[in-house]
Amino acid sequence: MNKHPAFVEWKETVLKKTLERFPERQKEFKTDSGFPAERLALPEEIDDKYLLKIGFPGQYPFTRGVQPTMYRGRLWTMRQYAGFSSAEESNKRYRYLLEQGTTGLSVAFDLPTQIGYDSDHKISRGEVGRVGAAIDTFADMEALFNGIPLDKVSTSMTINSPTAILLAMYVVVAERQGIKPAQLAGTVQNDILKEYIARGTYIFPPHPSIRLMTDIIEWCSREMPQFNTISVSGYHIREAGSTAVQEIAFTFANACTYVEAAICAGLDVDVFAPRMTFFFNASSDFLEEIAKFRAARRLWARLMKERFKAKDPASLKLRFHTQTAGYTLTAQQVDNNIVRVTLQALAAVLGGTQSLHTNSRDEALTLPLEDSVRTALRTQQIIAYESGVCNTVDPLAGSYYIENLTDRMEQEISALIDRIDAAGGMIAAIESGSVQRQIEESSYTYQQQIENGERIVIGQNKFQETKEVSPPVFQINKFIEENQVMKLLKIRAERDNQKVRKSLAHLEEAVRGKENVMPHVIEAVRCYATLGEICDVLRKVFGVYEETKGY
């Protein structure tokens, strides 16, 4: 047993405190041959370089993980992303996932909801319920979570421009269940800058969008202390074509912009930073992905400590959700995707993720069928309960290759962040098109490598099948849009429209001033004001963002 003073101190303080509060899942962890699975493998000699760069889990610089016992204490949250058609149909899928052993919900909203339009708006035609659940009013949100106790389930919502509205609906649904905001656990994405970079579901210009984001953080810090108020997303940046280095660098540059905005608004970094989370992509370069996650954890801790002077250790911890890489899935030989997803999920676990979504085999073709969703979830469960990788913390630490690659990733990510800072920061980089251009160049290179055979994709450009049987595809109810519009018209006819107008007027007054908008959005939601009506108030005051052309 290593007797280095730093290790002894870690055991007697950090580890001991954790084990007293959260005992490990088993009394003993062993290999199949009966060898003890050590909690933490260490080098024979611990030197200053080890302490500076690698250290111990649950302690700065957090290279080996944010918790001292990692998955020996608690497995990651198995959070499967789902949502389609109506709130009622999505609710059935959520119940199915919970029955199959998923441990957290992740809500997908349809495109009109994401860009702030009601289902009966002309721009919504043909898109209602297609890529997620259609949510027009609080009644839809209530149907979405019907029979699901919100104080027992952690919910993540992939929503950005209209985050305040969907979060308000969630709060009001909880009220109806007799649950206070302080009892709710979960995450809202609330990451608007990456929408301008990679995803496109923005509504308002950057500065007012950041004001809304800050209002959410401030309100939740007081009213919903268990809720993660932002999930800064590199996932969509990677899906748009970035490299692994660009994914982390651009995500962290966005995150630094948010931290600076919150501090400028008068918030204490050690109050809101512990509720910041991140969302990353797990792609197919297995060892690079593991090194990426380790490097990101170390770099974020350093940024928070040195740049933002955070003092609470919780503010330094990079907590992240991971999703396997959608862009790597192929329509050819769809069963190959199960293997890809397994490797990507294993990389996320070996990299120390706190939460994980595994893509389904058929997602290159369609929304996933129930059987495919179950297989995707079982992939996580097999890694968790059968592989043995959860029995020891950061098992690849000390590998010459992994440690070298971790160092190189951190250096490259830091250098790219420095270049963004030198050019005026992330908003300036977005408005000039610089970030978008870098991603486009990386995406083009990746596609060229596939087309010229330099990058092998099994079933697509090598080992193709001459005859393939197309799997069954998921079908959306063709009457979903008609039914959703009828439901919306009925609510508009039956609600107290005078109350709605009054609540929207109060909201507009708050938006034009400096008052936090969240209480007014909640009040409008209680009156059954629609998503589109609330967004129209914000559009009226903030305007609508138009992307810079010609970069």
Protein backbone atom coordinates (compact mmCIF):
# COMPACT_ATOMS: atom_id res chain seq x y z
CA MET A 1 0.00 0.00 0.00
CA ASN A 2 1.36 3.40 -1.02
CA LYS A 3 2.28 5.52 2.01
CA HIS A 4 2.98 8.83 0.28
CA PRO A 5 1.79 11.67 2.57
CA ALA A 6 -0.48 13.12 -0.16
CA PHE A 7 -2.20 9.77 -0.68
CA VAL A 8 -2.59 9.22 3.08
CA GLU A 9 -4.10 12.70 3.43
CA TRP A 10 -6.54 12.00 0.55
CA LYS A 11 -7.61 8.73 2.18
CA GLU A 12 -8.11 10.26 5.61
CA THR A 13 -10.00 13.34 4.42
CA VAL A 14 -11.60 13.18 0.97
CA LEU A 15 -12.17 9.42 0.69
CA LYS A 16 -13.18 8.83 4.31
CA LYS A 17 -15.76 11.61 4.23
CA THR A 18 -17.27 10.24 1.02
CA LEU A 19 -17.48 6.65 2.28
CA GLU A 20 -19.22 7.81 5.47
CA ARG A 21 -21.91 9.59 3.45
CA PHE A 22 -22.11 7.28 0.44
CA PRO A 23 -21.00 3.68 1.05
CA GLU A 24 -19.82 1.76 -1.99
CA ARG A 25 -22.23 -0.52 -3.85
CA GLN A 26 -20.54 -3.68 -2.61
CA LYS A 27 -18.33 -4.64 0.32
CA GLU A 28 -15.81 -6.23 -2.05
CA PHE A 29 -15.03 -5.87 -5.74
CA LYS A 30 -13.27 -8.77 -7.46
CA THR A 31 -12.26 -9.91 -10.92
CA ASP A 32 -13.77 -13.09 -12.38
CA SER A 33 -10.67 -14.95 -11.20
CA GLY A 34 -11.17 -13.72 -7.66
CA PHE A 35 -8.41 -11.09 -7.59
CA PRO A 36 -9.30 -7.96 -5.58
CA ALA A 37 -10.26 -5.04 -7.82
CA GLU A 38 -8.39 -2.15 -6.25
CA ARG A 39 -10.31 1.05 -5.68
CA LEU A 40 -7.39 3.06 -7.04
CA ALA A 41 -4.29 1.79 -8.82
CA LEU A 42 -1.23 3.97 -8.17
CA PRO A 43 2.38 4.15 -9.38
CA GLU A 44 5.01 2.76 -7.03
CA GLU A 45 6.48 6.22 -6.62
CA ILE A 46 4.21 9.30 -6.43
CA ASP A 47 6.15 12.35 -7.55
CA ASP A 48 5.33 16.05 -7.96
CA LYS A 49 4.44 15.57 -11.63
CA TYR A 50 1.88 12.91 -10.72
CA LEU A 51 0.29 15.14 -8.06
CA LEU A 52 0.21 18.15 -10.37
CA LYS A 53 -1.22 16.44 -13.46
CA ILE A 54 -3.05 13.30 -12.32
CA GLY A 55 -3.66 13.31 -8.57
CA PHE A 56 -6.49 11.48 -6.83
CA PRO A 57 -10.18 11.27 -7.77
CA GLY A 58 -12.48 13.77 -6.10
CA GLN A 59 -9.60 16.18 -5.60
CA TYR A 60 -8.00 18.93 -7.70
CA PRO A 61 -7.11 18.68 -10.58
CA PHE A 62 -9.85 15.98 -10.91
CA THR A 63 -8.08 14.24 -13.83
CA ARG A 64 -9.11 10.86 -12.42
CA GLY A 65 -12.73 11.76 -11.73
CA VAL A 66 -14.96 14.15 -9.81
CA GLN A 67 -15.90 11.63 -7.11
CA PRO A 68 -13.42 9.72 -4.91
CA THR A 69 -15.07 6.35 -5.52
CA MET A 70 -16.65 7.05 -8.92
CA TYR A 71 -18.79 4.10 -10.09
CA ARG A 72 -17.93 1.95 -7.07
CA GLY A 73 -20.13 4.37 -5.13
CA ARG A 74 -22.80 5.10 -7.71
CA LEU A 75 -23.20 4.24 -11.37
CA TRP A 76 -23.71 6.97 -13.94
CA THR A 77 -27.28 8.06 -14.70
CA MET A 78 -28.62 6.06 -17.63
CA ARG A 79 -30.54 8.86 -19.29
CA GLN A 80 -32.15 7.95 -22.62
CA TYR A 81 -33.17 10.91 -24.82
CA ALA A 82 -36.73 10.57 -26.12
CA GLY A 83 -39.71 12.53 -27.37
CA PHE A 84 -41.91 12.46 -30.44
CA SER A 85 -45.42 13.15 -31.67
CA SER A 86 -47.67 14.37 -28.85
CA ALA A 87 -47.01 14.74 -25.15
CA GLU A 88 -49.21 11.71 -24.54
CA GLU A 89 -47.22 9.48 -26.93
CA SER A 90 -43.91 10.65 -25.45
CA ASN A 91 -45.23 9.91 -21.96
CA LYS A 92 -45.78 6.28 -23.00
CA ARG A 93 -42.15 6.02 -24.14
CA TYR A 94 -40.90 7.56 -20.87
CA ARG A 95 -42.89 5.07 -18.84
CA TYR A 96 -41.49 2.24 -20.97
CA LEU A 97 -37.92 3.45 -20.44
CA LEU A 98 -38.45 3.70 -16.68
CA GLU A 99 -39.85 0.16 -16.63
CA GLN A 100 -36.74 -1.05 -18.53
CA GLY A 101 -34.39 0.44 -15.93
CA THR A 102 -33.45 3.88 -17.20
CA THR A 103 -32.56 6.12 -14.26
CA GLY A 104 -33.24 9.57 -15.74
CA LEU A 105 -35.44 11.14 -18.39
CA SER A 106 -34.22 13.34 -21.24
CA VAL A 107 -36.86 15.28 -23.19
CA ALA A 108 -36.71 15.98 -26.92
CA PHE A 109 -38.94 18.82 -28.13
CA ASP A 110 -40.17 19.27 -31.69
CA LEU A 111 -38.72 21.98 -33.93
CA PRO A 112 -41.58 24.52 -33.54
CA THR A 113 -41.22 24.29 -29.74
CA GLN A 114 -37.44 24.77 -29.99
CA ILE A 115 -37.81 27.98 -32.03
CA GLY A 116 -40.74 29.39 -30.09
CA TYR A 117 -43.79 28.87 -32.33
CA ASP A 118 -47.15 27.33 -31.53
CA SER A 119 -48.30 24.28 -33.46
CA ASP A 120 -50.89 26.27 -35.44
CA HIS A 121 -48.37 28.84 -36.73
CA LYS A 122 -47.78 28.65 -40.49
CA ILE A 123 -44.04 28.11 -39.95
CA SER A 124 -44.82 24.96 -37.91
CA ARG A 125 -46.55 23.17 -40.77
CA GLY A 126 -45.14 19.70 -41.39
CA GLU A 127 -42.86 19.81 -38.34
CA VAL A 128 -45.26 19.31 -35.43
CA GLY A 129 -44.19 16.30 -33.36
CA ARG A 130 -41.59 15.18 -35.90
CA VAL A 131 -38.28 15.37 -33.99
CA GLY A 132 -39.66 15.64 -30.47
CA ALA A 133 -42.77 16.28 -28.41
CA ALA A 134 -45.01 19.20 -29.36
CA ILE A 135 -45.46 21.53 -26.36
CA ASP A 136 -47.75 24.54 -26.74
CA THR A 137 -49.08 25.12 -23.23
CA PHE A 138 -48.71 23.94 -19.68
CA ALA A 139 -51.42 21.33 -20.44
CA ASP A 140 -49.02 19.57 -22.83
CA MET A 141 -46.24 19.56 -20.24
CA GLU A 142 -48.67 18.09 -17.70
CA ALA A 143 -49.54 15.30 -20.16
CA LEU A 144 -45.85 14.73 -20.87
CA PHE A 145 -45.19 13.84 -17.22
CA ASN A 146 -48.55 12.29 -16.38
CA GLY A 147 -48.08 9.63 -13.70
CA ILE A 148 -44.35 10.38 -13.31
CA PRO A 149 -43.49 11.78 -9.84
CA LEU A 150 -41.12 14.65 -10.52
CA ASP A 151 -39.57 14.53 -7.05
CA LYS A 152 -38.41 10.95 -7.74
CA VAL A 153 -37.05 11.34 -11.29
CA SER A 154 -34.27 13.55 -12.62
CA THR A 155 -35.27 15.22 -15.89
CA SER A 156 -33.06 16.77 -18.54
CA MET A 157 -34.61 19.07 -21.15
CA THR A 158 -32.85 19.83 -24.44
CA ILE A 159 -34.12 23.36 -24.91
CA ASN A 160 -32.29 26.64 -25.43
CA SER A 161 -33.93 29.86 -26.69
CA PRO A 162 -37.29 29.19 -24.93
CA THR A 163 -35.68 27.58 -21.85
CA ALA A 164 -37.38 29.97 -19.41
CA ILE A 165 -40.82 28.97 -20.73
CA LEU A 166 -40.31 25.19 -20.69
CA LEU A 167 -38.69 25.38 -17.25
CA ALA A 168 -41.65 27.45 -16.01
CA MET A 169 -44.05 24.78 -17.33
CA TYR A 170 -42.06 22.09 -15.52
CA VAL A 171 -42.26 24.09 -12.28
CA VAL A 172 -46.03 24.50 -12.63
CA VAL A 173 -46.49 20.76 -13.35
CA ALA A 174 -44.57 20.04 -10.16
CA GLU A 175 -46.81 22.49 -8.27
CA ARG A 176 -49.85 20.52 -9.43
CA GLN A 177 -48.18 17.38 -8.06
CA GLY A 178 -47.64 19.13 -4.73
CA ILE A 179 -43.88 19.40 -5.27
CA LYS A 180 -41.90 22.55 -4.51
CA PRO A 181 -39.23 23.84 -6.92
CA ALA A 182 -36.53 23.16 -4.32
CA GLN A 183 -37.35 19.43 -4.51
CA LEU A 184 -36.76 19.18 -8.25
CA ALA A 185 -33.59 17.68 -9.74
CA GLY A 186 -32.58 17.79 -13.37
CA THR A 187 -31.00 19.93 -16.06
CA VAL A 188 -31.97 22.45 -18.70
CA GLN A 189 -29.57 22.88 -21.61
CA ASN A 190 -29.95 26.69 -21.70
CA ASP A 191 -26.81 26.94 -23.88
CA ILE A 192 -27.60 29.55 -26.49
CA LEU A 193 -24.17 30.30 -27.96
CA LYS A 194 -23.74 26.84 -29.46
CA GLU A 195 -27.04 27.39 -31.32
CA TYR A 196 -25.42 30.18 -33.33
CA ILE A 197 -22.37 27.97 -33.92
CA ALA A 198 -23.75 24.54 -34.72
CA ARG A 199 -27.44 23.87 -34.29
CA GLY A 200 -29.48 26.84 -35.49
CA THR A 201 -32.46 26.87 -33.10
CA TYR A 202 -31.81 30.40 -31.91
CA ILE A 203 -34.48 33.12 -31.74
CA PHE A 204 -33.06 36.28 -30.18
CA PRO A 205 -29.67 38.02 -30.64
CA PRO A 206 -26.78 36.87 -28.40
CA HIS A 207 -26.79 39.59 -25.75
CA PRO A 208 -30.52 39.43 -24.78
CA SER A 209 -30.28 35.63 -24.98
CA ILE A 210 -27.50 35.70 -22.41
CA ARG A 211 -29.64 38.00 -20.24
CA LEU A 212 -32.38 35.32 -20.26
CA MET A 213 -29.82 32.65 -19.44
CA THR A 214 -28.53 34.70 -16.51
CA ASP A 215 -32.06 35.30 -15.20
CA ILE A 216 -32.64 31.54 -15.17
CA ILE A 217 -29.37 30.90 -13.29
CA GLU A 218 -30.15 33.62 -10.73
CA TRP A 219 -33.74 32.45 -10.13
CA CYS A 220 -32.80 28.77 -9.88
CA SER A 221 -29.94 29.54 -7.48
CA ARG A 222 -32.59 30.83 -5.07
CA GLU A 223 -35.61 28.66 -5.84
CA MET A 224 -34.27 25.40 -7.36
CA PRO A 225 -30.87 24.76 -5.77
CA GLN A 226 -30.78 21.09 -6.84
CA PHE A 227 -31.41 21.89 -10.49
CA ASN A 228 -28.59 22.23 -13.03
CA THR A 229 -29.26 25.58 -14.66
CA ILE A 230 -27.12 25.14 -17.76
CA SER A 231 -25.62 22.26 -19.70
CA VAL A 232 -22.93 23.69 -21.94
CA SER A 233 -22.97 21.50 -25.01
CA GLY A 234 -20.08 20.32 -27.12
CA TYR A 235 -22.19 17.48 -28.48
CA HIS A 236 -23.80 19.50 -31.26
CA ILE A 237 -20.50 21.19 -32.10
CA ARG A 238 -19.00 17.73 -32.71
CA GLU A 239 -22.07 16.60 -34.66
CA ALA A 240 -21.63 19.66 -36.90
CA GLY A 241 -18.18 18.38 -37.87
CA SER A 242 -15.64 19.64 -35.33
CA THR A 243 -12.62 17.72 -34.12
CA ALA A 244 -12.39 16.50 -30.50
CA VAL A 245 -10.09 19.43 -29.65
CA GLN A 246 -12.50 21.97 -31.19
CA GLU A 247 -15.43 20.36 -29.38
CA ILE A 248 -13.91 21.00 -25.95
CA ALA A 249 -12.29 24.35 -26.79
CA PHE A 250 -15.44 25.92 -28.25
CA THR A 251 -17.57 24.50 -25.43
CA PHE A 252 -15.27 25.91 -22.77
CA ALA A 253 -15.08 29.28 -24.55
CA ASN A 254 -18.91 29.38 -24.44
CA ALA A 255 -18.89 28.35 -20.79
CA CYS A 256 -16.40 31.09 -19.88
CA THR A 257 -18.68 33.63 -21.56
CA TYR A 258 -21.59 32.43 -19.40
CA VAL A 259 -19.55 32.52 -16.20
CA GLU A 260 -18.39 36.06 -16.97
CA ALA A 261 -21.98 37.16 -17.71
CA ALA A 262 -23.26 35.70 -14.44
CA ILE A 263 -20.46 37.36 -12.44
CA CYS A 264 -21.18 40.71 -14.17
CA ALA A 265 -24.84 40.29 -13.16
CA GLY A 266 -23.70 40.16 -9.53
CA LEU A 267 -23.82 36.41 -8.93
CA ASP A 268 -21.22 34.67 -6.79
CA VAL A 269 -19.27 32.14 -8.85
CA ASP A 270 -19.34 29.63 -5.99
CA VAL A 271 -23.14 29.85 -5.84
CA PHE A 272 -23.92 29.08 -9.49
CA ALA A 273 -20.85 27.21 -10.79
CA PRO A 274 -21.58 23.96 -8.88
CA ARG A 275 -24.86 23.72 -10.85
CA MET A 276 -23.19 24.08 -14.25
CA THR A 277 -22.96 20.88 -16.25
CA PHE A 278 -21.62 19.92 -19.67
CA PHE A 279 -22.76 17.70 -22.53
CA PHE A 280 -20.19 15.95 -24.71
CA ASN A 281 -19.97 13.60 -27.65
CA ALA A 282 -18.38 10.14 -27.41
CA SER A 283 -17.02 9.28 -30.83
CA SER A 284 -15.23 6.26 -32.25
CA ASP A 285 -11.54 7.04 -31.70
CA PHE A 286 -11.66 5.09 -28.46
CA LEU A 287 -8.43 6.18 -26.75
CA GLU A 288 -8.62 9.79 -27.92
CA GLU A 289 -12.12 10.12 -26.47
CA ILE A 290 -10.96 8.82 -23.07
CA ALA A 291 -8.03 11.25 -23.10
CA LYS A 292 -10.37 14.06 -24.18
CA PHE A 293 -12.61 13.62 -21.15
CA ARG A 294 -9.66 13.44 -18.75
CA ALA A 295 -8.01 16.52 -20.29
CA ALA A 296 -11.30 18.45 -20.19
CA ARG A 297 -11.80 17.69 -16.51
CA ARG A 298 -8.30 18.91 -15.62
CA LEU A 299 -8.49 22.03 -17.79
CA TRP A 300 -11.92 23.11 -16.50
CA ALA A 301 -10.71 22.82 -12.90
CA ARG A 302 -7.75 25.04 -13.74
CA LEU A 303 -9.88 27.61 -15.59
CA MET A 304 -12.31 27.92 -12.69
CA LYS A 305 -9.56 28.16 -10.09
CA GLU A 306 -7.15 30.48 -11.87
CA ARG A 307 -9.34 32.55 -14.20
CA PHE A 308 -12.50 32.90 -12.11
CA LYS A 309 -10.99 32.49 -8.62
CA ALA A 310 -13.56 29.91 -7.55
CA LYS A 311 -12.86 28.57 -4.07
CA ASP A 312 -15.51 25.89 -3.54
CA PRO A 313 -14.15 22.52 -4.83
CA ALA A 314 -17.62 21.85 -6.26
CA SER A 315 -17.15 24.83 -8.59
CA LEU A 316 -14.05 23.19 -10.07
CA LYS A 317 -15.66 19.86 -10.92
CA LEU A 318 -16.50 19.18 -14.56
CA ARG A 319 -19.73 17.17 -14.41
CA PHE A 320 -20.94 16.00 -17.79
CA HIS A 321 -23.53 14.01 -19.69
CA THR A 322 -22.37 12.08 -22.73
CA GLN A 323 -24.18 10.89 -25.83
CA THR A 324 -22.73 8.49 -28.35
CA ALA A 325 -21.94 9.99 -31.75
CA GLY A 326 -24.93 10.26 -34.05
CA TYR A 327 -22.78 11.30 -37.00
CA THR A 328 -20.94 7.94 -36.95
CA LEU A 329 -24.13 5.89 -37.41
CA THR A 330 -24.69 4.43 -40.86
CA ALA A 331 -27.85 3.60 -42.77
CA GLN A 332 -25.96 0.67 -44.28
CA GLN A 333 -25.76 -2.52 -42.15
CA VAL A 334 -27.52 -0.89 -39.20
CA ASP A 335 -26.54 -3.66 -36.77
CA ASN A 336 -22.94 -2.40 -37.03
CA ASN A 337 -24.16 0.66 -35.14
CA ILE A 338 -24.65 -1.46 -32.01
CA VAL A 339 -20.91 -2.18 -31.99
CA ARG A 340 -20.03 1.47 -32.62
CA VAL A 341 -22.28 2.62 -29.80
CA THR A 342 -20.85 0.02 -27.40
CA LEU A 343 -17.28 1.24 -27.99
CA GLN A 344 -18.33 4.88 -27.68
CA ALA A 345 -20.28 4.24 -24.48
CA LEU A 346 -17.33 2.35 -22.99
CA ALA A 347 -15.06 5.31 -23.83
CA ALA A 348 -17.46 7.64 -22.00
CA VAL A 349 -17.47 5.39 -18.93
CA LEU A 350 -13.67 5.00 -18.91
CA GLY A 351 -13.52 8.79 -19.33
CA GLY A 352 -15.62 9.29 -16.19
CA THR A 353 -19.03 10.52 -17.40
CA GLN A 354 -21.81 11.24 -14.88
CA SER A 355 -24.68 10.52 -17.26
CA LEU A 356 -24.99 8.68 -20.56
CA HIS A 357 -27.33 8.27 -23.53
CA THR A 358 -26.65 5.46 -25.99
CA ASN A 359 -27.96 5.91 -29.54
CA SER A 360 -30.13 3.23 -31.11
CA ARG A 361 -29.10 1.07 -34.08
CA ASP A 362 -31.70 2.54 -36.46
CA GLU A 363 -31.26 6.27 -35.79
CA ALA A 364 -29.53 6.91 -39.12
CA LEU A 365 -32.88 6.04 -40.72
CA THR A 366 -35.65 6.96 -38.31
CA LEU A 367 -36.70 7.71 -34.78
CA PRO A 368 -35.83 4.51 -32.90
CA LEU A 369 -38.25 1.63 -32.43
CA GLU A 370 -38.88 0.30 -28.92
CA ASP A 371 -36.73 -2.80 -29.50
CA SER A 372 -33.83 -0.61 -30.61
CA VAL A 373 -34.20 1.67 -27.60
CA ARG A 374 -34.16 -1.34 -25.28
CA THR A 375 -30.95 -2.66 -26.89
CA ALA A 376 -29.33 0.77 -26.51
CA LEU A 377 -30.21 0.84 -22.82
CA ARG A 378 -29.07 -2.78 -22.33
CA THR A 379 -25.69 -1.75 -23.78
CA GLN A 380 -25.19 0.61 -20.84
CA GLN A 381 -26.43 -1.97 -18.36
CA ILE A 382 -24.03 -4.65 -19.66
CA ILE A 383 -21.09 -2.25 -19.37
CA ALA A 384 -22.22 -1.34 -15.85
CA TYR A 385 -22.89 -4.80 -14.46
CA GLU A 386 -20.85 -7.27 -16.53
CA SER A 387 -17.67 -5.63 -17.86
CA GLY A 388 -15.84 -5.00 -14.56
CA VAL A 389 -14.69 -1.53 -15.67
CA CYS A 390 -16.72 0.11 -12.91
CA ASN A 391 -14.88 -1.72 -10.13
CA THR A 392 -11.81 0.50 -10.13
CA VAL A 393 -11.46 4.25 -10.58
CA ASP A 394 -9.95 5.59 -13.83
CA PRO A 395 -8.45 2.21 -14.78
CA LEU A 396 -6.37 3.55 -17.70
CA ALA A 397 -4.51 6.12 -15.59
CA GLY A 398 -0.76 5.68 -15.88
CA SER A 399 -0.87 4.29 -19.41
CA TYR A 400 2.02 5.99 -21.23
CA TYR A 401 -0.16 6.59 -24.27
CA ILE A 402 -3.24 7.81 -22.39
CA GLU A 403 -1.30 10.21 -20.17
CA ASN A 404 0.66 11.59 -23.11
CA LEU A 405 -2.49 12.03 -25.19
CA THR A 406 -4.29 13.66 -22.22
CA ASP A 407 -1.46 16.21 -21.95
CA ARG A 408 -1.45 16.91 -25.69
CA MET A 409 -5.24 17.34 -25.80
CA GLU A 410 -5.14 19.79 -22.89
CA GLN A 411 -2.39 21.83 -24.55
CA GLU A 412 -4.20 22.04 -27.90
CA ILE A 413 -7.55 22.91 -26.29
CA SER A 414 -5.92 25.63 -24.15
CA ALA A 415 -4.16 27.11 -27.20
CA LEU A 416 -7.43 27.33 -29.15
CA ILE A 417 -9.24 28.99 -26.23
CA ASP A 418 -6.38 31.52 -25.98
CA ARG A 419 -6.80 32.35 -29.69
CA ILE A 420 -10.53 32.96 -29.20
CA ASP A 421 -9.83 35.22 -26.21
CA ALA A 422 -7.22 37.16 -28.18
CA ALA A 423 -9.74 37.72 -30.99
CA GLY A 424 -12.26 39.37 -28.65
CA GLY A 425 -14.06 36.41 -27.08
CA MET A 426 -16.66 33.91 -28.18
CA ILE A 427 -19.49 36.28 -29.14
CA ALA A 428 -17.13 38.21 -31.43
CA ALA A 429 -15.89 34.92 -32.91
CA ILE A 430 -19.48 33.80 -33.58
CA GLU A 431 -20.54 37.12 -35.10
CA SER A 432 -17.52 37.12 -37.43
CA GLY A 433 -18.22 33.52 -38.48
CA SER A 434 -14.74 32.40 -37.41
CA VAL A 435 -15.89 29.47 -35.27
CA GLN A 436 -18.43 28.28 -37.82
CA ARG A 437 -15.76 28.40 -40.53
CA GLN A 438 -13.34 26.24 -38.51
CA ILE A 439 -16.04 23.62 -37.92
CA GLU A 440 -17.00 23.61 -41.60
CA GLU A 441 -13.37 23.05 -42.61
CA SER A 442 -13.04 20.11 -40.19
CA SER A 443 -16.33 18.64 -41.41
CA TYR A 444 -15.21 18.92 -45.04
CA THR A 445 -11.91 17.20 -44.26
CA TYR A 446 -13.72 14.34 -42.48
CA GLN A 447 -16.08 13.78 -45.41
CA GLN A 448 -13.23 13.90 -47.93
CA GLN A 449 -11.38 11.23 -45.95
CA ILE A 450 -14.40 8.93 -46.17
CA GLU A 451 -14.90 9.55 -49.88
CA ASN A 452 -11.25 8.92 -50.81
CA GLY A 453 -11.02 5.85 -48.56
CA GLU A 454 -8.49 7.34 -46.16
CA ARG A 455 -11.03 6.89 -43.34
CA ILE A 456 -12.70 3.45 -43.31
CA VAL A 457 -16.40 3.19 -42.38
CA ILE A 458 -17.44 -0.45 -42.30
CA GLY A 459 -20.43 -1.15 -44.53
CA GLN A 460 -20.26 2.28 -46.14
CA ASN A 461 -16.95 2.44 -48.02
CA LYS A 462 -15.55 -1.01 -47.16
CA PHE A 463 -17.08 -4.47 -46.69
CA GLN A 464 -20.33 -3.37 -48.29
CA GLU A 465 -23.22 -5.79 -48.80
CA THR A 466 -24.70 -6.09 -52.28
CA LYS A 467 -28.14 -6.90 -50.88
CA GLU A 468 -29.39 -5.32 -47.69
CA VAL A 469 -32.69 -5.85 -45.97
CA SER A 470 -34.13 -2.52 -44.82
CA PRO A 471 -35.23 -2.64 -41.18
CA PRO A 472 -38.73 -1.49 -40.20
CA VAL A 473 -38.95 2.25 -39.53
CA PHE A 474 -40.79 4.20 -36.86
CA GLN A 475 -43.99 5.90 -38.08
CA ILE A 476 -45.34 9.16 -36.65
CA ASN A 477 -49.13 9.36 -36.40
CA LYS A 478 -50.15 11.30 -39.52
CA PHE A 479 -52.94 13.05 -37.56
CA ILE A 480 -50.59 14.41 -34.88
CA GLU A 481 -50.52 17.97 -36.24
CA GLU A 482 -54.29 18.17 -36.69
CA ASN A 483 -54.92 16.79 -33.18
CA GLN A 484 -52.35 19.12 -31.59
CA VAL A 485 -53.85 22.19 -33.26
CA MET A 486 -57.38 21.23 -32.17
CA LYS A 487 -56.19 20.79 -28.59
CA LEU A 488 -54.50 24.19 -28.70
CA LEU A 489 -57.59 25.96 -30.10
CA LYS A 490 -59.73 24.40 -27.36
CA ILE A 491 -57.40 25.72 -24.63
CA ARG A 492 -57.40 29.21 -26.15
CA ALA A 493 -61.20 29.19 -26.20
CA GLU A 494 -61.62 27.96 -22.61
CA ARG A 495 -58.91 29.89 -20.72
CA ASP A 496 -59.35 33.33 -19.12
CA ASN A 497 -57.98 35.46 -21.96
CA GLN A 498 -58.12 38.67 -19.95
CA LYS A 499 -55.78 37.05 -17.39
CA VAL A 500 -53.50 35.93 -20.20
CA ARG A 501 -53.27 39.46 -21.66
CA LYS A 502 -52.55 40.91 -18.22
CA SER A 503 -49.79 38.36 -17.51
CA LEU A 504 -48.16 39.00 -20.89
CA ALA A 505 -48.24 42.77 -20.27
CA HIS A 506 -46.49 42.27 -16.92
CA LEU A 507 -43.92 40.07 -18.65
CA GLU A 508 -43.24 42.72 -21.29
CA GLU A 509 -42.72 45.34 -18.60
CA ALA A 510 -40.19 43.08 -16.83
CA VAL A 511 -38.35 42.30 -20.07
CA ARG A 512 -38.04 46.00 -20.94
CA GLY A 513 -36.65 46.67 -17.47
CA LYS A 514 -34.03 44.85 -15.43
CA GLU A 515 -36.33 42.64 -13.38
CA ASN A 516 -35.81 38.87 -13.42
CA VAL A 517 -38.26 37.49 -16.01
CA MET A 518 -38.76 34.00 -14.49
CA PRO A 519 -41.58 34.86 -12.02
CA HIS A 520 -43.51 36.58 -14.83
CA VAL A 521 -43.02 33.69 -17.24
CA ILE A 522 -44.29 31.30 -14.56
CA GLU A 523 -47.36 33.45 -14.00
CA ALA A 524 -48.11 33.55 -17.75
CA VAL A 525 -47.73 29.76 -17.96
CA ARG A 526 -50.18 29.30 -15.05
CA CYS A 527 -52.76 31.26 -17.08
CA TYR A 528 -52.24 28.90 -20.06
CA ALA A 529 -50.45 31.50 -22.16
CA THR A 530 -48.90 29.61 -25.05
CA LEU A 531 -45.24 29.15 -25.82
CA GLY A 532 -45.64 31.22 -28.99
CA GLU A 533 -47.43 34.07 -27.20
CA ILE A 534 -44.70 34.34 -24.58
CA CYS A 535 -41.97 34.17 -27.23
CA ASP A 536 -43.75 36.87 -29.23
CA VAL A 537 -43.41 39.24 -26.26
CA LEU A 538 -39.68 38.49 -26.15
CA ARG A 539 -39.36 38.90 -29.94
CA LYS A 540 -41.12 42.26 -29.73
CA VAL A 541 -38.59 43.56 -27.18
CA PHE A 542 -35.38 41.73 -28.16
CA GLY A 543 -35.79 41.33 -31.90
CA VAL A 544 -34.79 38.25 -33.91
CA TYR A 545 -31.22 37.20 -34.72
CA GLU A 546 -30.12 36.92 -38.34
CA GLU A 547 -26.99 34.94 -39.08
CA THR A 548 -24.01 36.73 -40.59
CA LYS A 549 -23.73 35.75 -44.25
CA GLY A 550 -20.73 35.53 -46.48
CA TYR A 551 -18.05 34.44 -44.02
